[in-house]
């Protein structure tokens, strides 16, 4: 692995209550396929993890949906922005798959555009694009 940090975030987890519902939301809104990860042997309890695609051996933000005892969805204070070609496209699919729009696409000046939405589990997410 190259020891170069292009992105500060190395991993993220989105906690969910209903894995199938959350899987359907993220796969449908972002047109991606989530892959099941094995339960880490070092944990004393069973967890479910479905990972977004990415290179897990290099720096940069990658992550997974996680269902874990003691960690509920919707009550967190971290906001993850998903990179989009045009965030209006993903925004247009949010409601159809069980989410809610908090603030429709708006300009953030030279840094592009964002939309704020809630996923099917009540987590706020950001959508970011440069057009």
C-alpha atoms as a PDB file:
ATOM      1  CA  UNK A   1       0.000   0.000   0.000  1.00  0.00           C
ATOM      2  CA  UNK A   2       1.294   3.410  -0.952  1.00  0.00           C
ATOM      3  CA  UNK A   3       1.705   5.630   2.102  1.00  0.00           C
ATOM      4  CA  UNK A   4       0.044   8.685   0.572  1.00  0.00           C
ATOM      5  CA  UNK A   5      -3.078  10.256   2.014  1.00  0.00           C
ATOM      6  CA  UNK A   6      -5.090  11.924  -0.751  1.00  0.00           C
ATOM      7  CA  UNK A   7      -8.217  11.974   1.433  1.00  0.00           C
ATOM      8  CA  UNK A   8      -8.423  12.463   5.190  1.00  0.00           C
ATOM      9  CA  UNK A   9     -11.228   9.977   5.794  1.00  0.00           C
ATOM     10  CA  UNK A  10     -10.133   6.350   5.586  1.00  0.00           C
ATOM     11  CA  UNK A  11     -13.407   4.568   6.418  1.00  0.00           C
ATOM     12  CA  UNK A  12     -17.007   5.333   7.323  1.00  0.00           C
ATOM     13  CA  UNK A  13     -19.908   3.360   8.740  1.00  0.00           C
ATOM     14  CA  UNK A  14     -23.613   4.148   8.353  1.00  0.00           C
ATOM     15  CA  UNK A  15     -25.554   2.452  11.155  1.00  0.00           C
ATOM     16  CA  UNK A  16     -28.857   0.882  10.135  1.00  0.00           C
ATOM     17  CA  UNK A  17     -31.840  -0.827  11.766  1.00  0.00           C
ATOM     18  CA  UNK A  18     -33.139  -2.706   8.708  1.00  0.00           C
ATOM     19  CA  UNK A  19     -30.250  -3.929   6.528  1.00  0.00           C
ATOM     20  CA  UNK A  20     -32.397  -4.992   3.565  1.00  0.00           C
ATOM     21  CA  UNK A  21     -34.249  -1.654   3.483  1.00  0.00           C
ATOM     22  CA  UNK A  22     -30.977   0.291   3.757  1.00  0.00           C
ATOM     23  CA  UNK A  23     -29.326  -1.902   1.100  1.00  0.00           C
ATOM     24  CA  UNK A  24     -32.208  -1.218  -1.279  1.00  0.00           C
ATOM     25  CA  UNK A  25     -32.026   2.542  -0.593  1.00  0.00           C
ATOM     26  CA  UNK A  26     -28.274   2.914  -1.227  1.00  0.00           C
ATOM     27  CA  UNK A  27     -28.099   0.523  -4.174  1.00  0.00           C
ATOM     28  CA  UNK A  28     -31.101   2.201  -5.813  1.00  0.00           C
ATOM     29  CA  UNK A  29     -30.224   5.853  -5.175  1.00  0.00           C
ATOM     30  CA  UNK A  30     -26.523   5.551  -6.072  1.00  0.00           C
ATOM     31  CA  UNK A  31     -26.793   2.713  -8.628  1.00  0.00           C
ATOM     32  CA  UNK A  32     -24.092   0.675  -6.850  1.00  0.00           C
ATOM     33  CA  UNK A  33     -23.806  -2.889  -5.588  1.00  0.00           C
ATOM     34  CA  UNK A  34     -22.978  -3.413  -1.920  1.00  0.00           C
ATOM     35  CA  UNK A  35     -20.897  -6.466  -1.013  1.00  0.00           C
ATOM     36  CA  UNK A  36     -21.249  -8.506   2.185  1.00  0.00           C
ATOM     37  CA  UNK A  37     -18.186  -8.432   4.446  1.00  0.00           C
ATOM     38  CA  UNK A  38     -17.379 -11.282   6.834  1.00  0.00           C
ATOM     39  CA  UNK A  39     -18.062 -10.812  10.534  1.00  0.00           C
ATOM     40  CA  UNK A  40     -14.747  -9.920  12.232  1.00  0.00           C
ATOM     41  CA  UNK A  41     -13.726 -12.953  14.309  1.00  0.00           C
ATOM     42  CA  UNK A  42     -12.515 -10.739  17.160  1.00  0.00           C
ATOM     43  CA  UNK A  43     -16.015  -9.443  17.934  1.00  0.00           C
ATOM     44  CA  UNK A  44     -18.102 -11.108  20.609  1.00  0.00           C
ATOM     45  CA  UNK A  45     -21.379 -10.389  18.814  1.00  0.00           C
ATOM     46  CA  UNK A  46     -22.633 -10.889  15.267  1.00  0.00           C
ATOM     47  CA  UNK A  47     -22.702  -7.854  12.993  1.00  0.00           C
ATOM     48  CA  UNK A  48     -23.829  -7.431   9.400  1.00  0.00           C
ATOM     49  CA  UNK A  49     -21.744  -5.320   7.040  1.00  0.00           C
ATOM     50  CA  UNK A  50     -22.380  -4.436   3.398  1.00  0.00           C
ATOM     51  CA  UNK A  51     -19.512  -2.452   1.864  1.00  0.00           C
ATOM     52  CA  UNK A  52     -19.528   0.134  -0.877  1.00  0.00           C
ATOM     53  CA  UNK A  53     -17.109  -0.681  -3.692  1.00  0.00           C
ATOM     54  CA  UNK A  54     -13.627   0.724  -3.512  1.00  0.00           C
ATOM     55  CA  UNK A  55      -9.979  -0.142  -3.039  1.00  0.00           C
ATOM     56  CA  UNK A  56      -9.705  -1.249   0.596  1.00  0.00           C
ATOM     57  CA  UNK A  57      -5.879  -1.282   0.382  1.00  0.00           C
ATOM     58  CA  UNK A  58      -5.336   2.391  -0.430  1.00  0.00           C
ATOM     59  CA  UNK A  59      -6.108   5.650   1.323  1.00  0.00           C
ATOM     60  CA  UNK A  60      -9.379   7.403   0.674  1.00  0.00           C
ATOM     61  CA  UNK A  61     -12.901   7.231   1.954  1.00  0.00           C
ATOM     62  CA  UNK A  62     -14.631   3.886   1.707  1.00  0.00           C
ATOM     63  CA  UNK A  63     -17.182   2.413   4.035  1.00  0.00           C
ATOM     64  CA  UNK A  64     -20.097   0.133   4.776  1.00  0.00           C
ATOM     65  CA  UNK A  65     -23.634  -0.109   6.070  1.00  0.00           C
ATOM     66  CA  UNK A  66     -23.452  -1.690   9.534  1.00  0.00           C
ATOM     67  CA  UNK A  67     -26.057  -3.344  11.744  1.00  0.00           C
ATOM     68  CA  UNK A  68     -24.571  -3.783  15.214  1.00  0.00           C
ATOM     69  CA  UNK A  69     -26.156  -4.270  18.631  1.00  0.00           C
ATOM     70  CA  UNK A  70     -26.034  -1.063  20.676  1.00  0.00           C
ATOM     71  CA  UNK A  71     -25.626   1.247  17.671  1.00  0.00           C
ATOM     72  CA  UNK A  72     -28.814   2.737  16.300  1.00  0.00           C
ATOM     73  CA  UNK A  73     -29.426   4.784  13.196  1.00  0.00           C
ATOM     74  CA  UNK A  74     -30.563   8.386  12.905  1.00  0.00           C
ATOM     75  CA  UNK A  75     -29.025   9.814  16.082  1.00  0.00           C
ATOM     76  CA  UNK A  76     -25.514  10.533  14.895  1.00  0.00           C
ATOM     77  CA  UNK A  77     -23.706  13.815  14.435  1.00  0.00           C
ATOM     78  CA  UNK A  78     -21.497  12.945  11.459  1.00  0.00           C
ATOM     79  CA  UNK A  79     -22.518  13.917   7.936  1.00  0.00           C
ATOM     80  CA  UNK A  80     -21.116  11.958   5.004  1.00  0.00           C
ATOM     81  CA  UNK A  81     -21.144  13.526   1.534  1.00  0.00           C
ATOM     82  CA  UNK A  82     -21.405  11.101  -1.381  1.00  0.00           C
ATOM     83  CA  UNK A  83     -19.629  12.184  -4.581  1.00  0.00           C
ATOM     84  CA  UNK A  84     -22.032  12.505  -7.532  1.00  0.00           C
ATOM     85  CA  UNK A  85     -21.684  13.648 -11.123  1.00  0.00           C
ATOM     86  CA  UNK A  86     -24.813  15.810 -10.647  1.00  0.00           C
ATOM     87  CA  UNK A  87     -26.347  15.558  -7.174  1.00  0.00           C
ATOM     88  CA  UNK A  88     -29.806  16.384  -8.583  1.00  0.00           C
ATOM     89  CA  UNK A  89     -29.873  12.906 -10.179  1.00  0.00           C
ATOM     90  CA  UNK A  90     -29.374  11.016  -6.899  1.00  0.00           C
ATOM     91  CA  UNK A  91     -31.641  13.509  -5.110  1.00  0.00           C
ATOM     92  CA  UNK A  92     -34.433  12.632  -7.555  1.00  0.00           C
ATOM     93  CA  UNK A  93     -34.325   8.993  -6.368  1.00  0.00           C
ATOM     94  CA  UNK A  94     -34.241   9.593  -2.595  1.00  0.00           C
ATOM     95  CA  UNK A  95     -38.010   9.742  -1.902  1.00  0.00           C
ATOM     96  CA  UNK A  96     -38.791   6.797  -4.177  1.00  0.00           C
ATOM     97  CA  UNK A  97     -36.582   4.537  -2.063  1.00  0.00           C
ATOM     98  CA  UNK A  98     -37.755   5.599   1.391  1.00  0.00           C
ATOM     99  CA  UNK A  99     -35.699   8.717   2.059  1.00  0.00           C
ATOM    100  CA  UNK A 100     -36.607  12.374   2.561  1.00  0.00           C
ATOM    101  CA  UNK A 101     -35.128  15.581   1.123  1.00  0.00           C
ATOM    102  CA  UNK A 102     -33.967  18.062   3.770  1.00  0.00           C
ATOM    103  CA  UNK A 103     -32.631  20.716   1.340  1.00  0.00           C
ATOM    104  CA  UNK A 104     -32.690  20.436  -2.441  1.00  0.00           C
ATOM    105  CA  UNK A 105     -29.599  21.027  -4.571  1.00  0.00           C
ATOM    106  CA  UNK A 106     -27.991  24.398  -3.918  1.00  0.00           C
ATOM    107  CA  UNK A 107     -24.715  26.107  -4.780  1.00  0.00           C
ATOM    108  CA  UNK A 108     -21.781  26.240  -2.399  1.00  0.00           C
ATOM    109  CA  UNK A 109     -19.907  28.602  -4.703  1.00  0.00           C
ATOM    110  CA  UNK A 110     -16.609  27.502  -6.209  1.00  0.00           C
ATOM    111  CA  UNK A 111     -16.911  24.163  -4.368  1.00  0.00           C
ATOM    112  CA  UNK A 112     -19.908  23.004  -6.396  1.00  0.00           C
ATOM    113  CA  UNK A 113     -23.373  21.953  -5.277  1.00  0.00           C
ATOM    114  CA  UNK A 114     -24.882  19.909  -2.476  1.00  0.00           C
ATOM    115  CA  UNK A 115     -28.202  18.366  -1.499  1.00  0.00           C
ATOM    116  CA  UNK A 116     -29.086  17.211   2.003  1.00  0.00           C
ATOM    117  CA  UNK A 117     -31.314  14.183   2.514  1.00  0.00           C
ATOM    118  CA  UNK A 118     -32.313  11.534   5.033  1.00  0.00           C
ATOM    119  CA  UNK A 119     -31.789   7.900   4.072  1.00  0.00           C
ATOM    120  CA  UNK A 120     -34.309   5.119   4.703  1.00  0.00           C
ATOM    121  CA  UNK A 121     -32.909   4.683   8.243  1.00  0.00           C
ATOM    122  CA  UNK A 122     -33.160   8.334   9.330  1.00  0.00           C
ATOM    123  CA  UNK A 123     -29.472   9.205   8.798  1.00  0.00           C
ATOM    124  CA  UNK A 124     -28.790  12.584   7.207  1.00  0.00           C
ATOM    125  CA  UNK A 125     -26.505  12.285   4.168  1.00  0.00           C
ATOM    126  CA  UNK A 126     -25.023  14.839   1.814  1.00  0.00           C
ATOM    127  CA  UNK A 127     -24.838  14.635  -1.968  1.00  0.00           C
ATOM    128  CA  UNK A 128     -22.024  16.637  -3.610  1.00  0.00           C
ATOM    129  CA  UNK A 129     -21.234  17.446  -7.240  1.00  0.00           C
ATOM    130  CA  UNK A 130     -19.431  20.070  -9.277  1.00  0.00           C
ATOM    131  CA  UNK A 131     -22.318  20.539 -11.719  1.00  0.00           C
END
